[in-house]
């Protein structure tokens, strides 16, 4: 069987029913864009170790579809994982007699640098959003003080806010998928089981939300002029325009989540609590991701502790 044919079968029969629509769409794009054009013409039994390794090297050196230049190690690793998974499945099902995918050598994946806003930058951003007449800007404040993801923010409805007990429930997320040249918004369950969570919110945040709710006409906290859900791409562009207007250095929207985590650590929040609020699988994930913030916090604590020493 040609690898092209098997990839289509694998996606439809074994992947589609086991992952979220967003993940399936992502896998399909990677396969159609990166894998099929190079490996698709080969028979499964002819995917030799040398051929597969040459594929990895080519992607590292010329994998950028737009420029033809290098492709980031992380991207190549994600692409190659699909190659490995698909070949392993074909081997397990006796569709191919040979599985050379375990012989592929992958590049190292440098840890992605976490970007967070400095305190003074956060203050400028907060002041602008709170003093602006556009109620949708409250979404930026929500992210800065809860650490929720953009999809979780845009899927939030007023029913998710418990004003009495002062918490918000994260039970869904929104994302966009391009189909037939047009982006469509989908609402799904959160990223992982751990992403289903309840987040306590401060008295100040409750007051801000109450003031906005008084004039709200949509079930969505962040909404369009026609009271429908705002798309992730649209809200990201809004965020970028705000940064440009305030002449703040560019940071992507996810940096708001990193900023929340960084400030939480600076304020002394324990890692287990932070992990639960962020919706991470376990505290180890949080520790690894925010090790740099923990280091600064540890130095500060040790210096305070060291003041007890007389010299």
C-alpha atoms as a PDB file:
ATOM      1  CA  UNK A   1       0.000   0.000   0.000  1.00  0.00           C
ATOM      2  CA  UNK A   2       1.246   3.482  -0.839  1.00  0.00           C
ATOM      3  CA  UNK A   3       1.961   5.617   2.215  1.00  0.00           C
ATOM      4  CA  UNK A   4      -0.389   8.290   0.786  1.00  0.00           C
ATOM      5  CA  UNK A   5      -3.277   5.829   0.825  1.00  0.00           C
ATOM      6  CA  UNK A   6      -2.496   4.573   4.305  1.00  0.00           C
ATOM      7  CA  UNK A   7      -2.283   8.115   5.735  1.00  0.00           C
ATOM      8  CA  UNK A   8      -5.798   8.892   4.466  1.00  0.00           C
ATOM      9  CA  UNK A   9      -7.124   5.632   5.900  1.00  0.00           C
ATOM     10  CA  UNK A  10      -5.299   6.134   9.201  1.00  0.00           C
ATOM     11  CA  UNK A  11      -6.698   9.648   9.626  1.00  0.00           C
ATOM     12  CA  UNK A  12     -10.276   8.679   8.853  1.00  0.00           C
ATOM     13  CA  UNK A  13     -10.475   5.331  10.611  1.00  0.00           C
ATOM     14  CA  UNK A  14      -8.121   5.600  13.589  1.00  0.00           C
ATOM     15  CA  UNK A  15      -7.402   9.264  14.339  1.00  0.00           C
ATOM     16  CA  UNK A  16     -10.657  11.106  13.729  1.00  0.00           C
ATOM     17  CA  UNK A  17     -12.615   9.215  16.389  1.00  0.00           C
ATOM     18  CA  UNK A  18      -9.927   9.514  19.061  1.00  0.00           C
ATOM     19  CA  UNK A  19      -8.963  13.196  19.073  1.00  0.00           C
ATOM     20  CA  UNK A  20     -10.707  16.561  19.164  1.00  0.00           C
ATOM     21  CA  UNK A  21     -11.714  18.198  15.896  1.00  0.00           C
ATOM     22  CA  UNK A  22      -9.037  20.870  16.351  1.00  0.00           C
ATOM     23  CA  UNK A  23      -6.340  18.208  16.734  1.00  0.00           C
ATOM     24  CA  UNK A  24      -7.634  16.239  13.763  1.00  0.00           C
ATOM     25  CA  UNK A  25      -7.561  19.372  11.617  1.00  0.00           C
ATOM     26  CA  UNK A  26      -3.990  20.102  12.772  1.00  0.00           C
ATOM     27  CA  UNK A  27      -2.822  16.554  11.984  1.00  0.00           C
ATOM     28  CA  UNK A  28      -4.483  16.672   8.569  1.00  0.00           C
ATOM     29  CA  UNK A  29      -2.745  19.954   7.684  1.00  0.00           C
ATOM     30  CA  UNK A  30       0.665  18.638   8.755  1.00  0.00           C
ATOM     31  CA  UNK A  31       0.206  15.442   6.761  1.00  0.00           C
ATOM     32  CA  UNK A  32      -1.049  17.150   3.597  1.00  0.00           C
ATOM     33  CA  UNK A  33       1.507  19.947   3.747  1.00  0.00           C
ATOM     34  CA  UNK A  34       4.665  18.226   4.979  1.00  0.00           C
ATOM     35  CA  UNK A  35       4.463  14.436   4.835  1.00  0.00           C
ATOM     36  CA  UNK A  36       2.532  13.448   1.715  1.00  0.00           C
ATOM     37  CA  UNK A  37       4.493  15.607  -0.769  1.00  0.00           C
ATOM     38  CA  UNK A  38       7.758  13.877   0.180  1.00  0.00           C
ATOM     39  CA  UNK A  39       6.960  10.406   1.510  1.00  0.00           C
ATOM     40  CA  UNK A  40       3.476   9.769   0.160  1.00  0.00           C
ATOM     41  CA  UNK A  41       4.583   8.269  -3.158  1.00  0.00           C
ATOM     42  CA  UNK A  42       6.510   5.425  -1.492  1.00  0.00           C
ATOM     43  CA  UNK A  43       5.140   2.025  -0.620  1.00  0.00           C
ATOM     44  CA  UNK A  44       4.938   1.439   3.136  1.00  0.00           C
ATOM     45  CA  UNK A  45       7.395  -1.452   2.891  1.00  0.00           C
ATOM     46  CA  UNK A  46       9.916   0.843   1.196  1.00  0.00           C
ATOM     47  CA  UNK A  47      10.115   3.459   3.955  1.00  0.00           C
ATOM     48  CA  UNK A  48      13.713   2.654   4.847  1.00  0.00           C
ATOM     49  CA  UNK A  49      15.646   4.099   7.803  1.00  0.00           C
ATOM     50  CA  UNK A  50      17.753   6.201   5.420  1.00  0.00           C
ATOM     51  CA  UNK A  51      14.688   7.575   3.631  1.00  0.00           C
ATOM     52  CA  UNK A  52      12.962   8.502   6.882  1.00  0.00           C
ATOM     53  CA  UNK A  53      16.094  10.126   8.294  1.00  0.00           C
ATOM     54  CA  UNK A  54      16.616  12.098   5.079  1.00  0.00           C
ATOM     55  CA  UNK A  55      13.035  13.323   5.474  1.00  0.00           C
ATOM     56  CA  UNK A  56      13.795  14.652   8.963  1.00  0.00           C
ATOM     57  CA  UNK A  57      16.984  16.373   7.812  1.00  0.00           C
ATOM     58  CA  UNK A  58      15.246  17.925   4.800  1.00  0.00           C
ATOM     59  CA  UNK A  59      12.491  19.296   7.017  1.00  0.00           C
ATOM     60  CA  UNK A  60      15.039  20.787   9.397  1.00  0.00           C
ATOM     61  CA  UNK A  61      16.906  22.508   6.574  1.00  0.00           C
ATOM     62  CA  UNK A  62      14.122  23.369   4.100  1.00  0.00           C
ATOM     63  CA  UNK A  63      10.845  22.632   5.889  1.00  0.00           C
ATOM     64  CA  UNK A  64       9.445  26.155   6.026  1.00  0.00           C
ATOM     65  CA  UNK A  65       6.703  26.034   3.392  1.00  0.00           C
ATOM     66  CA  UNK A  66       6.627  29.817   2.918  1.00  0.00           C
ATOM     67  CA  UNK A  67      10.352  30.577   2.688  1.00  0.00           C
ATOM     68  CA  UNK A  68      11.898  27.184   1.923  1.00  0.00           C
ATOM     69  CA  UNK A  69      14.334  27.782   4.755  1.00  0.00           C
ATOM     70  CA  UNK A  70      14.823  26.027   8.090  1.00  0.00           C
ATOM     71  CA  UNK A  71      11.933  24.744  10.177  1.00  0.00           C
ATOM     72  CA  UNK A  72      11.992  24.864  13.982  1.00  0.00           C
ATOM     73  CA  UNK A  73      13.060  21.679  15.757  1.00  0.00           C
ATOM     74  CA  UNK A  74       9.769  21.520  17.622  1.00  0.00           C
ATOM     75  CA  UNK A  75       7.773  21.626  14.393  1.00  0.00           C
ATOM     76  CA  UNK A  76       9.899  18.895  12.816  1.00  0.00           C
ATOM     77  CA  UNK A  77       9.441  16.751  15.923  1.00  0.00           C
ATOM     78  CA  UNK A  78       5.643  17.160  15.742  1.00  0.00           C
ATOM     79  CA  UNK A  79       5.615  16.217  12.045  1.00  0.00           C
ATOM     80  CA  UNK A  80       7.849  13.210  12.601  1.00  0.00           C
ATOM     81  CA  UNK A  81       5.686  11.992  15.493  1.00  0.00           C
ATOM     82  CA  UNK A  82       2.825  11.605  13.013  1.00  0.00           C
ATOM     83  CA  UNK A  83       5.094   9.632  10.695  1.00  0.00           C
ATOM     84  CA  UNK A  84       6.043   7.349  13.584  1.00  0.00           C
ATOM     85  CA  UNK A  85       2.474   6.891  14.836  1.00  0.00           C
ATOM     86  CA  UNK A  86       1.095   6.101  11.390  1.00  0.00           C
ATOM     87  CA  UNK A  87       3.823   3.584  10.525  1.00  0.00           C
ATOM     88  CA  UNK A  88       3.550   1.879  13.923  1.00  0.00           C
ATOM     89  CA  UNK A  89      -0.200   1.470  13.448  1.00  0.00           C
ATOM     90  CA  UNK A  90       0.310   0.045   9.945  1.00  0.00           C
ATOM     91  CA  UNK A  91       2.844  -2.418  11.355  1.00  0.00           C
ATOM     92  CA  UNK A  92       0.566  -3.448  14.241  1.00  0.00           C
ATOM     93  CA  UNK A  93      -2.236  -4.118  11.753  1.00  0.00           C
ATOM     94  CA  UNK A  94       0.080  -6.132   9.457  1.00  0.00           C
ATOM     95  CA  UNK A  95      -0.405  -3.628   6.647  1.00  0.00           C
ATOM     96  CA  UNK A  96       3.368  -3.344   6.405  1.00  0.00           C
ATOM     97  CA  UNK A  97       5.973  -5.969   7.234  1.00  0.00           C
ATOM     98  CA  UNK A  98       8.601  -3.436   8.288  1.00  0.00           C
ATOM     99  CA  UNK A  99       8.618  -0.708  10.942  1.00  0.00           C
ATOM    100  CA  UNK A 100      11.667   1.512  10.635  1.00  0.00           C
ATOM    101  CA  UNK A 101      10.110   4.471  12.448  1.00  0.00           C
ATOM    102  CA  UNK A 102      11.857   3.588  15.717  1.00  0.00           C
ATOM    103  CA  UNK A 103      15.205   4.129  13.974  1.00  0.00           C
ATOM    104  CA  UNK A 104      14.543   7.808  13.290  1.00  0.00           C
ATOM    105  CA  UNK A 105      16.848  10.155  15.189  1.00  0.00           C
ATOM    106  CA  UNK A 106      15.108  13.377  16.178  1.00  0.00           C
ATOM    107  CA  UNK A 107      16.704  16.760  16.921  1.00  0.00           C
ATOM    108  CA  UNK A 108      16.701  18.108  20.438  1.00  0.00           C
ATOM    109  CA  UNK A 109      13.762  20.323  21.303  1.00  0.00           C
ATOM    110  CA  UNK A 110      14.967  23.443  23.137  1.00  0.00           C
ATOM    111  CA  UNK A 111      12.617  24.550  25.882  1.00  0.00           C
ATOM    112  CA  UNK A 112      10.411  27.360  24.646  1.00  0.00           C
ATOM    113  CA  UNK A 113      11.188  30.607  26.410  1.00  0.00           C
ATOM    114  CA  UNK A 114       8.284  31.811  28.508  1.00  0.00           C
ATOM    115  CA  UNK A 115       7.412  35.451  27.823  1.00  0.00           C
ATOM    116  CA  UNK A 116       5.568  37.475  30.435  1.00  0.00           C
ATOM    117  CA  UNK A 117       4.828  41.160  30.802  1.00  0.00           C
ATOM    118  CA  UNK A 118       6.941  43.164  33.190  1.00  0.00           C
ATOM    119  CA  UNK A 119       5.040  44.690  36.105  1.00  0.00           C
ATOM    120  CA  UNK A 120       5.126  48.192  34.655  1.00  0.00           C
ATOM    121  CA  UNK A 121       3.922  46.885  31.285  1.00  0.00           C
ATOM    122  CA  UNK A 122       1.074  45.049  32.979  1.00  0.00           C
ATOM    123  CA  UNK A 123       0.066  48.214  34.828  1.00  0.00           C
ATOM    124  CA  UNK A 124      -0.062  50.204  31.573  1.00  0.00           C
ATOM    125  CA  UNK A 125      -2.119  47.476  29.886  1.00  0.00           C
ATOM    126  CA  UNK A 126      -4.537  47.155  32.802  1.00  0.00           C
ATOM    127  CA  UNK A 127      -5.095  50.894  33.119  1.00  0.00           C
ATOM    128  CA  UNK A 128      -5.916  51.210  29.425  1.00  0.00           C
ATOM    129  CA  UNK A 129      -8.302  48.246  29.384  1.00  0.00           C
ATOM    130  CA  UNK A 130     -10.156  49.309  32.530  1.00  0.00           C
ATOM    131  CA  UNK A 131     -10.571  52.929  31.438  1.00  0.00           C
ATOM    132  CA  UNK A 132     -11.679  52.101  27.910  1.00  0.00           C
ATOM    133  CA  UNK A 133     -15.363  52.144  26.993  1.00  0.00           C
ATOM    134  CA  UNK A 134     -15.079  48.858  25.103  1.00  0.00           C
ATOM    135  CA  UNK A 135     -16.303  46.190  27.533  1.00  0.00           C
ATOM    136  CA  UNK A 136     -14.574  43.421  25.545  1.00  0.00           C
ATOM    137  CA  UNK A 137     -11.247  44.647  26.861  1.00  0.00           C
ATOM    138  CA  UNK A 138     -12.173  43.122  30.216  1.00  0.00           C
ATOM    139  CA  UNK A 139     -11.126  39.811  28.669  1.00  0.00           C
ATOM    140  CA  UNK A 140      -7.491  40.877  28.917  1.00  0.00           C
ATOM    141  CA  UNK A 141      -7.983  41.647  32.612  1.00  0.00           C
ATOM    142  CA  UNK A 142      -9.627  38.258  33.137  1.00  0.00           C
ATOM    143  CA  UNK A 143      -6.667  36.481  31.569  1.00  0.00           C
ATOM    144  CA  UNK A 144      -4.170  38.468  33.621  1.00  0.00           C
ATOM    145  CA  UNK A 145      -5.924  37.536  36.875  1.00  0.00           C
ATOM    146  CA  UNK A 146      -7.056  33.956  36.204  1.00  0.00           C
ATOM    147  CA  UNK A 147      -4.569  32.582  33.678  1.00  0.00           C
ATOM    148  CA  UNK A 148      -7.284  31.228  31.380  1.00  0.00           C
ATOM    149  CA  UNK A 149      -6.507  30.517  27.725  1.00  0.00           C
ATOM    150  CA  UNK A 150      -7.958  32.614  24.892  1.00  0.00           C
ATOM    151  CA  UNK A 151     -10.353  29.863  23.822  1.00  0.00           C
ATOM    152  CA  UNK A 152     -11.591  29.446  27.382  1.00  0.00           C
ATOM    153  CA  UNK A 153     -12.093  33.204  27.664  1.00  0.00           C
ATOM    154  CA  UNK A 154     -14.123  33.565  24.473  1.00  0.00           C
ATOM    155  CA  UNK A 155     -16.349  30.604  25.348  1.00  0.00           C
ATOM    156  CA  UNK A 156     -17.207  32.097  28.767  1.00  0.00           C
ATOM    157  CA  UNK A 157     -20.873  32.926  29.327  1.00  0.00           C
ATOM    158  CA  UNK A 158     -22.415  34.815  32.209  1.00  0.00           C
ATOM    159  CA  UNK A 159     -23.743  31.500  33.536  1.00  0.00           C
ATOM    160  CA  UNK A 160     -20.127  30.470  34.144  1.00  0.00           C
ATOM    161  CA  UNK A 161     -19.701  33.245  36.704  1.00  0.00           C
ATOM    162  CA  UNK A 162     -20.850  32.526  40.261  1.00  0.00           C
ATOM    163  CA  UNK A 163     -21.099  36.022  41.704  1.00  0.00           C
ATOM    164  CA  UNK A 164     -22.203  34.762  45.113  1.00  0.00           C
ATOM    165  CA  UNK A 165     -19.359  32.322  45.708  1.00  0.00           C
ATOM    166  CA  UNK A 166     -16.911  34.334  43.597  1.00  0.00           C
ATOM    167  CA  UNK A 167     -15.580  31.883  41.059  1.00  0.00           C
ATOM    168  CA  UNK A 168     -15.745  31.096  37.346  1.00  0.00           C
ATOM    169  CA  UNK A 169     -16.229  27.634  35.872  1.00  0.00           C
ATOM    170  CA  UNK A 170     -14.126  26.598  32.888  1.00  0.00           C
ATOM    171  CA  UNK A 171     -16.120  23.913  31.092  1.00  0.00           C
ATOM    172  CA  UNK A 172     -15.615  24.732  27.404  1.00  0.00           C
ATOM    173  CA  UNK A 173     -13.241  26.310  24.920  1.00  0.00           C
ATOM    174  CA  UNK A 174     -13.567  27.960  21.506  1.00  0.00           C
ATOM    175  CA  UNK A 175     -11.337  27.639  18.461  1.00  0.00           C
ATOM    176  CA  UNK A 176     -11.430  28.326  14.739  1.00  0.00           C
ATOM    177  CA  UNK A 177     -10.911  25.930  11.855  1.00  0.00           C
ATOM    178  CA  UNK A 178     -10.499  26.962   8.236  1.00  0.00           C
ATOM    179  CA  UNK A 179     -12.839  25.034   5.961  1.00  0.00           C
ATOM    180  CA  UNK A 180     -13.396  25.770   2.277  1.00  0.00           C
ATOM    181  CA  UNK A 181     -11.448  28.999   2.629  1.00  0.00           C
ATOM    182  CA  UNK A 182     -13.557  30.283   5.533  1.00  0.00           C
ATOM    183  CA  UNK A 183     -12.937  30.216   9.279  1.00  0.00           C
ATOM    184  CA  UNK A 184     -15.642  28.647  11.436  1.00  0.00           C
ATOM    185  CA  UNK A 185     -15.860  28.938  15.240  1.00  0.00           C
ATOM    186  CA  UNK A 186     -16.319  25.727  17.194  1.00  0.00           C
ATOM    187  CA  UNK A 187     -17.000  25.212  20.895  1.00  0.00           C
ATOM    188  CA  UNK A 188     -15.648  22.071  22.535  1.00  0.00           C
ATOM    189  CA  UNK A 189     -14.704  20.699  25.928  1.00  0.00           C
ATOM    190  CA  UNK A 190     -11.466  22.147  27.349  1.00  0.00           C
ATOM    191  CA  UNK A 191      -8.007  21.075  26.217  1.00  0.00           C
ATOM    192  CA  UNK A 192      -7.678  18.224  28.764  1.00  0.00           C
ATOM    193  CA  UNK A 193      -9.695  16.748  31.637  1.00  0.00           C
ATOM    194  CA  UNK A 194      -7.626  18.842  34.035  1.00  0.00           C
ATOM    195  CA  UNK A 195      -8.651  21.960  32.106  1.00  0.00           C
ATOM    196  CA  UNK A 196     -12.178  21.502  33.472  1.00  0.00           C
ATOM    197  CA  UNK A 197     -11.803  23.565  36.603  1.00  0.00           C
ATOM    198  CA  UNK A 198     -13.238  26.154  38.964  1.00  0.00           C
ATOM    199  CA  UNK A 199     -11.187  29.313  39.490  1.00  0.00           C
ATOM    200  CA  UNK A 200     -11.735  31.642  42.467  1.00  0.00           C
ATOM    201  CA  UNK A 201     -11.788  35.312  41.497  1.00  0.00           C
ATOM    202  CA  UNK A 202     -11.084  38.386  43.579  1.00  0.00           C
ATOM    203  CA  UNK A 203     -13.614  40.856  44.943  1.00  0.00           C
ATOM    204  CA  UNK A 204     -12.245  43.495  42.567  1.00  0.00           C
ATOM    205  CA  UNK A 205     -12.764  41.250  39.542  1.00  0.00           C
ATOM    206  CA  UNK A 206     -16.303  40.495  40.726  1.00  0.00           C
ATOM    207  CA  UNK A 207     -17.061  44.231  40.868  1.00  0.00           C
ATOM    208  CA  UNK A 208     -15.672  44.759  37.361  1.00  0.00           C
ATOM    209  CA  UNK A 209     -17.752  41.912  35.937  1.00  0.00           C
ATOM    210  CA  UNK A 210     -20.907  43.094  37.709  1.00  0.00           C
ATOM    211  CA  UNK A 211     -20.507  46.579  36.256  1.00  0.00           C
ATOM    212  CA  UNK A 212     -20.258  45.123  32.751  1.00  0.00           C
ATOM    213  CA  UNK A 213     -23.119  42.671  33.215  1.00  0.00           C
ATOM    214  CA  UNK A 214     -25.555  45.525  33.942  1.00  0.00           C
ATOM    215  CA  UNK A 215     -25.513  46.583  30.288  1.00  0.00           C
ATOM    216  CA  UNK A 216     -24.788  43.164  28.770  1.00  0.00           C
ATOM    217  CA  UNK A 217     -27.166  41.934  26.037  1.00  0.00           C
ATOM    218  CA  UNK A 218     -25.328  38.744  25.104  1.00  0.00           C
ATOM    219  CA  UNK A 219     -24.862  35.479  26.953  1.00  0.00           C
ATOM    220  CA  UNK A 220     -21.144  35.732  26.141  1.00  0.00           C
ATOM    221  CA  UNK A 221     -18.946  37.904  28.356  1.00  0.00           C
ATOM    222  CA  UNK A 222     -16.858  38.797  25.289  1.00  0.00           C
ATOM    223  CA  UNK A 223     -19.119  39.297  22.301  1.00  0.00           C
ATOM    224  CA  UNK A 224     -19.510  40.898  18.874  1.00  0.00           C
ATOM    225  CA  UNK A 225     -21.828  43.820  18.141  1.00  0.00           C
ATOM    226  CA  UNK A 226     -24.441  41.262  17.120  1.00  0.00           C
ATOM    227  CA  UNK A 227     -24.028  39.488  20.482  1.00  0.00           C
ATOM    228  CA  UNK A 228     -22.343  36.408  19.008  1.00  0.00           C
ATOM    229  CA  UNK A 229     -19.091  34.763  20.043  1.00  0.00           C
ATOM    230  CA  UNK A 230     -15.843  36.532  19.106  1.00  0.00           C
ATOM    231  CA  UNK A 231     -13.353  34.458  17.097  1.00  0.00           C
ATOM    232  CA  UNK A 232      -9.888  33.775  18.462  1.00  0.00           C
ATOM    233  CA  UNK A 233      -8.165  35.373  15.464  1.00  0.00           C
ATOM    234  CA  UNK A 234     -10.234  38.542  15.822  1.00  0.00           C
ATOM    235  CA  UNK A 235      -9.527  38.885  19.538  1.00  0.00           C
ATOM    236  CA  UNK A 236      -5.820  38.262  19.037  1.00  0.00           C
ATOM    237  CA  UNK A 237      -5.767  41.099  16.491  1.00  0.00           C
ATOM    238  CA  UNK A 238      -7.566  43.344  18.977  1.00  0.00           C
ATOM    239  CA  UNK A 239      -4.890  42.543  21.549  1.00  0.00           C
ATOM    240  CA  UNK A 240      -2.115  43.330  19.065  1.00  0.00           C
ATOM    241  CA  UNK A 241      -3.709  46.696  18.227  1.00  0.00           C
ATOM    242  CA  UNK A 242      -3.804  47.576  21.916  1.00  0.00           C
ATOM    243  CA  UNK A 243      -0.109  46.754  22.327  1.00  0.00           C
ATOM    244  CA  UNK A 244       0.725  48.896  19.290  1.00  0.00           C
ATOM    245  CA  UNK A 245      -1.346  51.794  20.577  1.00  0.00           C
ATOM    246  CA  UNK A 246       0.355  51.630  23.982  1.00  0.00           C
ATOM    247  CA  UNK A 247       3.777  51.160  22.327  1.00  0.00           C
ATOM    248  CA  UNK A 248       4.396  48.035  24.376  1.00  0.00           C
ATOM    249  CA  UNK A 249       6.790  45.333  23.068  1.00  0.00           C
ATOM    250  CA  UNK A 250       4.973  42.626  21.128  1.00  0.00           C
ATOM    251  CA  UNK A 251       4.029  39.503  23.067  1.00  0.00           C
ATOM    252  CA  UNK A 252       1.507  36.932  21.937  1.00  0.00           C
ATOM    253  CA  UNK A 253      -1.839  36.559  23.676  1.00  0.00           C
ATOM    254  CA  UNK A 254      -0.701  33.471  25.583  1.00  0.00           C
ATOM    255  CA  UNK A 255       1.791  35.716  27.389  1.00  0.00           C
ATOM    256  CA  UNK A 256      -1.133  36.924  29.512  1.00  0.00           C
ATOM    257  CA  UNK A 257      -1.394  33.402  30.940  1.00  0.00           C
ATOM    258  CA  UNK A 258       2.355  33.321  31.565  1.00  0.00           C
ATOM    259  CA  UNK A 259       2.117  36.734  33.217  1.00  0.00           C
ATOM    260  CA  UNK A 260      -0.553  35.481  35.608  1.00  0.00           C
ATOM    261  CA  UNK A 261       1.591  32.474  36.536  1.00  0.00           C
ATOM    262  CA  UNK A 262       4.686  34.626  37.023  1.00  0.00           C
ATOM    263  CA  UNK A 263       2.882  37.132  39.260  1.00  0.00           C
ATOM    264  CA  UNK A 264       1.270  34.288  41.236  1.00  0.00           C
ATOM    265  CA  UNK A 265       4.688  32.826  41.996  1.00  0.00           C
ATOM    266  CA  UNK A 266       6.014  36.262  42.939  1.00  0.00           C
ATOM    267  CA  UNK A 267       3.119  36.620  45.374  1.00  0.00           C
ATOM    268  CA  UNK A 268       4.033  33.288  46.953  1.00  0.00           C
ATOM    269  CA  UNK A 269       1.317  31.007  45.537  1.00  0.00           C
ATOM    270  CA  UNK A 270       2.276  27.361  45.993  1.00  0.00           C
ATOM    271  CA  UNK A 271       2.855  25.306  42.850  1.00  0.00           C
ATOM    272  CA  UNK A 272       0.056  22.808  43.505  1.00  0.00           C
ATOM    273  CA  UNK A 273      -2.535  25.587  43.739  1.00  0.00           C
ATOM    274  CA  UNK A 274      -1.139  27.332  40.664  1.00  0.00           C
ATOM    275  CA  UNK A 275      -1.152  24.049  38.743  1.00  0.00           C
ATOM    276  CA  UNK A 276      -4.838  23.496  39.536  1.00  0.00           C
ATOM    277  CA  UNK A 277      -5.802  27.041  38.566  1.00  0.00           C
ATOM    278  CA  UNK A 278      -3.933  26.778  35.265  1.00  0.00           C
ATOM    279  CA  UNK A 279      -5.447  23.357  34.565  1.00  0.00           C
ATOM    280  CA  UNK A 280      -2.127  21.550  34.230  1.00  0.00           C
ATOM    281  CA  UNK A 281      -1.954  17.761  34.446  1.00  0.00           C
ATOM    282  CA  UNK A 282       0.191  17.907  37.571  1.00  0.00           C
ATOM    283  CA  UNK A 283       2.445  20.339  39.499  1.00  0.00           C
ATOM    284  CA  UNK A 284       5.543  18.926  37.767  1.00  0.00           C
ATOM    285  CA  UNK A 285       4.371  20.454  34.475  1.00  0.00           C
ATOM    286  CA  UNK A 286       3.976  23.828  36.176  1.00  0.00           C
ATOM    287  CA  UNK A 287       7.372  23.579  37.856  1.00  0.00           C
ATOM    288  CA  UNK A 288       9.117  22.766  34.592  1.00  0.00           C
ATOM    289  CA  UNK A 289       7.364  25.519  32.661  1.00  0.00           C
ATOM    290  CA  UNK A 290       7.948  28.285  35.182  1.00  0.00           C
ATOM    291  CA  UNK A 291      11.329  27.251  36.558  1.00  0.00           C
ATOM    292  CA  UNK A 292      12.777  30.650  35.640  1.00  0.00           C
ATOM    293  CA  UNK A 293      10.158  32.432  37.744  1.00  0.00           C
ATOM    294  CA  UNK A 294      10.739  30.014  40.605  1.00  0.00           C
ATOM    295  CA  UNK A 295      14.484  30.753  40.502  1.00  0.00           C
ATOM    296  CA  UNK A 296      13.921  34.484  40.914  1.00  0.00           C
ATOM    297  CA  UNK A 297      11.459  33.818  43.730  1.00  0.00           C
ATOM    298  CA  UNK A 298      13.887  31.467  45.486  1.00  0.00           C
ATOM    299  CA  UNK A 299      16.680  34.063  45.314  1.00  0.00           C
ATOM    300  CA  UNK A 300      14.385  36.684  46.823  1.00  0.00           C
ATOM    301  CA  UNK A 301      13.327  34.360  49.665  1.00  0.00           C
ATOM    302  CA  UNK A 302      16.915  33.264  50.359  1.00  0.00           C
ATOM    303  CA  UNK A 303      18.064  36.880  50.542  1.00  0.00           C
ATOM    304  CA  UNK A 304      15.321  37.645  53.049  1.00  0.00           C
ATOM    305  CA  UNK A 305      16.267  34.542  54.994  1.00  0.00           C
ATOM    306  CA  UNK A 306      19.945  35.542  54.882  1.00  0.00           C
ATOM    307  CA  UNK A 307      19.219  38.806  56.697  1.00  0.00           C
ATOM    308  CA  UNK A 308      19.026  36.754  59.894  1.00  0.00           C
ATOM    309  CA  UNK A 309      22.758  36.114  59.575  1.00  0.00           C
ATOM    310  CA  UNK A 310      24.941  38.523  61.560  1.00  0.00           C
ATOM    311  CA  UNK A 311      28.308  39.402  60.025  1.00  0.00           C
END
